[in-house]
Amino acid sequence: MENKEFSRKLEERTKAFALKIIRLSALLPNSVEGKIVRNQMTKSGTGFGANYREATRARSRADFKNKIKICESEANEASYWLEIVGDLKWTESQSLEAALNEANELLAIFTSIGKNLE
C-alpha cells in the first residue's frame, strides 16, 4: 500500500472512530460525572482524527511529526476514558470493547508513525 492510500484509509478510520465515540458518548449517564467523562472522551476520541487530517497537510516534516505526536497523545487519552467507562460499567461491554480495541490499534499506528520519523 502506498503512502497516499495508507493516509486516506487512516483518515477514514479515524473519522469512523470519531463517529463511534460520539454515538457511545451519547449513551453515558446525564449525571455531573457522566457529562465530564462524556466531554473528555468525545474531545480526545474525535480530536486525533482532526489532528491527523491536519498532519497530512503539514507544512514541514517537523510540523507533521508534532501533529502525529498530538494524535498519539489523544489516542492514548481516548483509551483511558474508554477504560474508565468500562470500569464504571456505564455502557454495553461489546461496543465499548470494540471501541477500546480500535483506540489501542490507532494508538499503535500513531506511535509507529512517530517512531519512524525519528
N, C-alpha and C. Protein backbone atom coordinates (compact mmCIF):
# COMPACT_ATOMS: atom_id res chain seq x y z
N MET A 1 0.85 -1.17 0.00
CA MET A 1 0.00 0.00 0.00
C MET A 1 0.90 1.24 0.00
N GLU A 2 0.63 2.15 -0.90
CA GLU A 2 1.46 3.35 -0.96
C GLU A 2 0.99 4.38 0.06
N ASN A 3 1.81 5.38 0.29
CA ASN A 3 1.56 6.37 1.34
C ASN A 3 0.22 7.09 1.20
N LYS A 4 -0.14 7.49 -0.01
CA LYS A 4 -1.40 8.22 -0.20
C LYS A 4 -2.60 7.35 0.15
N GLU A 5 -2.55 6.10 -0.25
CA GLU A 5 -3.65 5.19 0.06
C GLU A 5 -3.71 4.91 1.56
N PHE A 6 -2.55 4.69 2.18
CA PHE A 6 -2.48 4.47 3.62
C PHE A 6 -3.06 5.69 4.36
N SER A 7 -2.66 6.86 3.94
CA SER A 7 -3.12 8.10 4.56
C SER A 7 -4.63 8.25 4.44
N ARG A 8 -5.16 7.99 3.25
CA ARG A 8 -6.61 8.10 3.04
C ARG A 8 -7.37 7.11 3.91
N LYS A 9 -6.87 5.88 3.97
CA LYS A 9 -7.55 4.86 4.78
C LYS A 9 -7.47 5.19 6.27
N LEU A 10 -6.35 5.76 6.70
CA LEU A 10 -6.23 6.13 8.11
C LEU A 10 -7.15 7.31 8.43
N GLU A 11 -7.29 8.25 7.50
CA GLU A 11 -8.25 9.34 7.69
C GLU A 11 -9.66 8.79 7.84
N GLU A 12 -10.03 7.86 6.98
CA GLU A 12 -11.36 7.24 7.05
C GLU A 12 -11.55 6.49 8.37
N ARG A 13 -10.52 5.80 8.78
CA ARG A 13 -10.59 5.01 10.01
C ARG A 13 -10.73 5.89 11.24
N THR A 14 -9.99 7.00 11.27
CA THR A 14 -10.09 7.90 12.42
C THR A 14 -11.44 8.62 12.44
N LYS A 15 -11.99 8.90 11.27
CA LYS A 15 -13.31 9.52 11.20
C LYS A 15 -14.38 8.54 11.68
N ALA A 16 -14.28 7.29 11.25
CA ALA A 16 -15.23 6.26 11.70
C ALA A 16 -15.13 6.09 13.22
N PHE A 17 -13.92 6.16 13.74
CA PHE A 17 -13.74 6.06 15.19
C PHE A 17 -14.41 7.23 15.90
N ALA A 18 -14.25 8.43 15.35
CA ALA A 18 -14.87 9.61 15.95
C ALA A 18 -16.39 9.45 16.00
N LEU A 19 -16.96 8.95 14.93
CA LEU A 19 -18.41 8.73 14.92
C LEU A 19 -18.83 7.70 15.96
N LYS A 20 -18.02 6.65 16.10
CA LYS A 20 -18.30 5.61 17.10
C LYS A 20 -18.25 6.21 18.51
N ILE A 21 -17.28 7.07 18.76
CA ILE A 21 -17.13 7.70 20.07
C ILE A 21 -18.32 8.62 20.36
N ILE A 22 -18.74 9.38 19.36
CA ILE A 22 -19.89 10.28 19.55
C ILE A 22 -21.13 9.47 19.90
N ARG A 23 -21.36 8.38 19.17
CA ARG A 23 -22.52 7.52 19.47
C ARG A 23 -22.42 6.90 20.86
N LEU A 24 -21.23 6.45 21.20
CA LEU A 24 -21.01 5.83 22.51
C LEU A 24 -21.19 6.85 23.63
N SER A 25 -20.69 8.05 23.43
CA SER A 25 -20.79 9.07 24.47
C SER A 25 -22.24 9.47 24.73
N ALA A 26 -23.08 9.36 23.71
CA ALA A 26 -24.50 9.68 23.89
C ALA A 26 -25.19 8.71 24.84
N LEU A 27 -24.59 7.56 25.07
CA LEU A 27 -25.17 6.55 25.96
C LEU A 27 -24.78 6.74 27.42
N LEU A 28 -23.86 7.65 27.68
CA LEU A 28 -23.39 7.84 29.06
C LEU A 28 -24.44 8.57 29.88
N PRO A 29 -24.40 8.36 31.19
CA PRO A 29 -25.42 8.97 32.06
C PRO A 29 -25.33 10.51 32.03
N ASN A 30 -26.46 11.14 32.34
CA ASN A 30 -26.52 12.60 32.37
C ASN A 30 -26.18 13.18 33.73
N SER A 31 -25.51 12.42 34.55
CA SER A 31 -25.05 12.92 35.85
C SER A 31 -23.90 13.89 35.62
N VAL A 32 -23.52 14.62 36.65
CA VAL A 32 -22.38 15.54 36.55
C VAL A 32 -21.14 14.76 36.11
N GLU A 33 -20.91 13.62 36.74
CA GLU A 33 -19.73 12.80 36.41
C GLU A 33 -19.81 12.29 34.97
N GLY A 34 -21.00 11.84 34.58
CA GLY A 34 -21.18 11.34 33.22
C GLY A 34 -20.90 12.40 32.17
N LYS A 35 -21.33 13.61 32.44
CA LYS A 35 -21.10 14.71 31.50
C LYS A 35 -19.62 15.05 31.39
N ILE A 36 -18.91 15.00 32.50
CA ILE A 36 -17.46 15.27 32.48
C ILE A 36 -16.75 14.21 31.66
N VAL A 37 -17.05 12.95 31.92
CA VAL A 37 -16.41 11.87 31.18
C VAL A 37 -16.81 11.93 29.70
N ARG A 38 -18.09 12.21 29.42
CA ARG A 38 -18.56 12.32 28.04
C ARG A 38 -17.76 13.39 27.29
N ASN A 39 -17.59 14.54 27.92
CA ASN A 39 -16.86 15.63 27.29
C ASN A 39 -15.40 15.24 27.01
N GLN A 40 -14.73 14.66 27.99
CA GLN A 40 -13.33 14.27 27.83
C GLN A 40 -13.16 13.18 26.78
N MET A 41 -14.04 12.19 26.83
CA MET A 41 -13.96 11.07 25.90
C MET A 41 -14.23 11.55 24.47
N THR A 42 -15.22 12.42 24.32
CA THR A 42 -15.56 12.92 23.00
C THR A 42 -14.46 13.80 22.44
N LYS A 43 -13.89 14.66 23.27
CA LYS A 43 -12.81 15.53 22.80
C LYS A 43 -11.60 14.73 22.33
N SER A 44 -11.18 13.79 23.14
CA SER A 44 -9.99 13.01 22.76
C SER A 44 -10.30 12.05 21.62
N GLY A 45 -11.47 11.44 21.64
CA GLY A 45 -11.83 10.44 20.63
C GLY A 45 -12.09 11.01 19.25
N THR A 46 -12.45 12.29 19.19
CA THR A 46 -12.66 12.94 17.90
C THR A 46 -11.44 13.78 17.51
N GLY A 47 -10.67 14.19 18.49
CA GLY A 47 -9.56 15.11 18.24
C GLY A 47 -8.43 14.53 17.43
N PHE A 48 -8.11 13.27 17.63
CA PHE A 48 -6.93 12.77 16.91
C PHE A 48 -7.21 12.55 15.43
N GLY A 49 -8.46 12.34 15.06
CA GLY A 49 -8.80 12.26 13.64
C GLY A 49 -8.62 13.61 12.96
N ALA A 50 -9.08 14.66 13.65
CA ALA A 50 -8.92 16.02 13.12
C ALA A 50 -7.45 16.39 13.05
N ASN A 51 -6.69 16.01 14.06
CA ASN A 51 -5.26 16.31 14.05
C ASN A 51 -4.52 15.51 12.99
N TYR A 52 -4.95 14.29 12.74
CA TYR A 52 -4.31 13.52 11.67
C TYR A 52 -4.58 14.17 10.32
N ARG A 53 -5.81 14.62 10.12
CA ARG A 53 -6.12 15.31 8.87
C ARG A 53 -5.22 16.54 8.70
N GLU A 54 -5.01 17.26 9.80
CA GLU A 54 -4.10 18.41 9.76
C GLU A 54 -2.66 17.95 9.46
N ALA A 55 -2.26 16.84 10.04
CA ALA A 55 -0.89 16.33 9.84
C ALA A 55 -0.65 16.02 8.37
N THR A 56 -1.65 15.50 7.69
CA THR A 56 -1.46 15.16 6.27
C THR A 56 -1.29 16.40 5.41
N ARG A 57 -1.58 17.55 5.97
CA ARG A 57 -1.41 18.81 5.25
C ARG A 57 -0.35 19.68 5.92
N ALA A 58 0.57 19.04 6.62
CA ALA A 58 1.61 19.75 7.37
C ALA A 58 2.52 20.52 6.42
N ARG A 59 3.07 21.59 6.96
CA ARG A 59 3.94 22.47 6.17
C ARG A 59 5.38 21.99 6.12
N SER A 60 5.73 21.13 7.07
CA SER A 60 7.11 20.63 7.12
C SER A 60 7.11 19.27 7.81
N ARG A 61 8.26 18.61 7.76
CA ARG A 61 8.41 17.33 8.45
C ARG A 61 8.26 17.52 9.95
N ALA A 62 8.80 18.61 10.48
CA ALA A 62 8.69 18.89 11.92
C ALA A 62 7.23 19.13 12.31
N ASP A 63 6.49 19.84 11.48
CA ASP A 63 5.07 20.09 11.73
C ASP A 63 4.29 18.78 11.71
N PHE A 64 4.61 17.93 10.73
CA PHE A 64 3.96 16.62 10.63
C PHE A 64 4.23 15.80 11.89
N LYS A 65 5.48 15.75 12.30
CA LYS A 65 5.86 14.98 13.48
C LYS A 65 5.14 15.49 14.72
N ASN A 66 5.08 16.79 14.89
CA ASN A 66 4.39 17.38 16.04
C ASN A 66 2.91 16.98 16.06
N LYS A 67 2.27 17.05 14.92
CA LYS A 67 0.85 16.70 14.85
C LYS A 67 0.62 15.21 15.09
N ILE A 68 1.54 14.39 14.61
CA ILE A 68 1.43 12.94 14.86
C ILE A 68 1.57 12.65 16.35
N LYS A 69 2.46 13.36 17.03
CA LYS A 69 2.62 13.18 18.47
C LYS A 69 1.34 13.58 19.21
N ILE A 70 0.67 14.62 18.72
CA ILE A 70 -0.62 15.02 19.30
C ILE A 70 -1.65 13.91 19.08
N CYS A 71 -1.67 13.33 17.89
CA CYS A 71 -2.57 12.20 17.61
C CYS A 71 -2.31 11.04 18.57
N GLU A 72 -1.06 10.75 18.76
CA GLU A 72 -0.67 9.67 19.67
C GLU A 72 -1.18 9.94 21.09
N SER A 73 -0.97 11.15 21.54
CA SER A 73 -1.39 11.54 22.89
C SER A 73 -2.91 11.45 23.04
N GLU A 74 -3.65 11.95 22.05
CA GLU A 74 -5.10 11.93 22.14
C GLU A 74 -5.67 10.52 22.01
N ALA A 75 -5.04 9.68 21.21
CA ALA A 75 -5.48 8.28 21.11
C ALA A 75 -5.29 7.58 22.45
N ASN A 76 -4.17 7.88 23.10
CA ASN A 76 -3.91 7.31 24.43
C ASN A 76 -4.95 7.80 25.44
N GLU A 77 -5.28 9.08 25.36
CA GLU A 77 -6.29 9.64 26.27
C GLU A 77 -7.66 9.02 26.00
N ALA A 78 -8.00 8.82 24.73
CA ALA A 78 -9.28 8.19 24.40
C ALA A 78 -9.36 6.79 25.00
N SER A 79 -8.26 6.04 24.91
CA SER A 79 -8.22 4.70 25.51
C SER A 79 -8.47 4.78 27.01
N TYR A 80 -7.86 5.76 27.64
CA TYR A 80 -8.03 5.94 29.09
C TYR A 80 -9.50 6.15 29.43
N TRP A 81 -10.16 7.08 28.74
CA TRP A 81 -11.56 7.37 29.06
C TRP A 81 -12.46 6.18 28.76
N LEU A 82 -12.15 5.43 27.72
CA LEU A 82 -12.93 4.22 27.43
C LEU A 82 -12.76 3.19 28.54
N GLU A 83 -11.55 3.08 29.07
CA GLU A 83 -11.32 2.18 30.20
C GLU A 83 -12.13 2.63 31.42
N ILE A 84 -12.17 3.93 31.66
CA ILE A 84 -12.95 4.47 32.79
C ILE A 84 -14.42 4.10 32.64
N VAL A 85 -14.97 4.33 31.44
CA VAL A 85 -16.37 3.99 31.17
C VAL A 85 -16.61 2.51 31.39
N GLY A 86 -15.67 1.68 30.94
CA GLY A 86 -15.79 0.24 31.14
C GLY A 86 -15.75 -0.16 32.60
N ASP A 87 -14.83 0.44 33.34
CA ASP A 87 -14.72 0.13 34.76
C ASP A 87 -15.97 0.54 35.53
N LEU A 88 -16.62 1.61 35.08
CA LEU A 88 -17.85 2.08 35.72
C LEU A 88 -19.08 1.33 35.22
N LYS A 89 -18.90 0.52 34.19
CA LYS A 89 -19.98 -0.26 33.58
C LYS A 89 -21.15 0.64 33.15
N TRP A 90 -20.79 1.74 32.48
CA TRP A 90 -21.79 2.71 32.05
C TRP A 90 -22.42 2.41 30.70
N THR A 91 -21.90 1.44 29.98
CA THR A 91 -22.47 1.13 28.67
C THR A 91 -22.19 -0.33 28.32
N GLU A 92 -22.82 -0.78 27.25
CA GLU A 92 -22.69 -2.15 26.78
C GLU A 92 -21.23 -2.53 26.54
N SER A 93 -20.82 -3.63 27.10
CA SER A 93 -19.41 -4.00 27.05
C SER A 93 -18.93 -4.34 25.64
N GLN A 94 -19.80 -4.89 24.79
CA GLN A 94 -19.36 -5.30 23.46
C GLN A 94 -18.98 -4.08 22.60
N SER A 95 -19.82 -3.05 22.57
CA SER A 95 -19.49 -1.87 21.77
C SER A 95 -18.32 -1.11 22.39
N LEU A 96 -18.25 -1.10 23.70
CA LEU A 96 -17.16 -0.45 24.39
C LEU A 96 -15.85 -1.17 24.12
N GLU A 97 -15.87 -2.48 24.17
CA GLU A 97 -14.66 -3.27 23.91
C GLU A 97 -14.16 -3.06 22.49
N ALA A 98 -15.08 -2.99 21.54
CA ALA A 98 -14.69 -2.74 20.14
C ALA A 98 -14.04 -1.36 20.01
N ALA A 99 -14.61 -0.36 20.67
CA ALA A 99 -14.04 0.99 20.61
C ALA A 99 -12.67 1.03 21.28
N LEU A 100 -12.53 0.35 22.40
CA LEU A 100 -11.24 0.32 23.10
C LEU A 100 -10.18 -0.38 22.26
N ASN A 101 -10.54 -1.47 21.62
CA ASN A 101 -9.59 -2.17 20.74
C ASN A 101 -9.16 -1.27 19.59
N GLU A 102 -10.12 -0.56 18.99
CA GLU A 102 -9.79 0.33 17.89
C GLU A 102 -8.91 1.49 18.36
N ALA A 103 -9.21 2.05 19.52
CA ALA A 103 -8.38 3.13 20.07
C ALA A 103 -6.95 2.66 20.27
N ASN A 104 -6.79 1.45 20.80
CA ASN A 104 -5.44 0.92 21.04
C ASN A 104 -4.71 0.62 19.73
N GLU A 105 -5.44 0.14 18.72
CA GLU A 105 -4.81 -0.09 17.42
C GLU A 105 -4.38 1.22 16.78
N LEU A 106 -5.23 2.24 16.86
CA LEU A 106 -4.87 3.54 16.31
C LEU A 106 -3.70 4.15 17.07
N LEU A 107 -3.68 3.97 18.37
CA LEU A 107 -2.55 4.44 19.18
C LEU A 107 -1.26 3.78 18.70
N ALA A 108 -1.31 2.48 18.46
CA ALA A 108 -0.11 1.76 17.99
C ALA A 108 0.33 2.28 16.62
N ILE A 109 -0.62 2.59 15.76
CA ILE A 109 -0.27 3.12 14.43
C ILE A 109 0.41 4.48 14.57
N PHE A 110 -0.18 5.37 15.37
CA PHE A 110 0.42 6.70 15.53
C PHE A 110 1.78 6.63 16.21
N THR A 111 1.91 5.73 17.16
CA THR A 111 3.20 5.54 17.82
C THR A 111 4.25 5.08 16.82
N SER A 112 3.88 4.14 15.97
CA SER A 112 4.79 3.63 14.95
C SER A 112 5.18 4.72 13.95
N ILE A 113 4.19 5.51 13.52
CA ILE A 113 4.49 6.59 12.58
C ILE A 113 5.47 7.57 13.22
N GLY A 114 5.20 7.92 14.48
CA GLY A 114 6.07 8.85 15.20
C GLY A 114 7.50 8.33 15.34
N LYS A 115 7.64 7.05 15.64
CA LYS A 115 8.99 6.47 15.80
C LYS A 115 9.72 6.41 14.47
N ASN A 116 9.00 6.22 13.38
CA ASN A 116 9.63 6.18 12.07
C ASN A 116 10.11 7.54 11.60
N LEU A 117 9.68 8.58 12.28
CA LEU A 117 10.11 9.94 11.93
C LEU A 117 11.35 10.38 12.68
N GLU A 118 11.78 9.59 13.64
CA GLU A 118 12.95 9.96 14.45
C GLU A 118 14.24 9.66 13.75
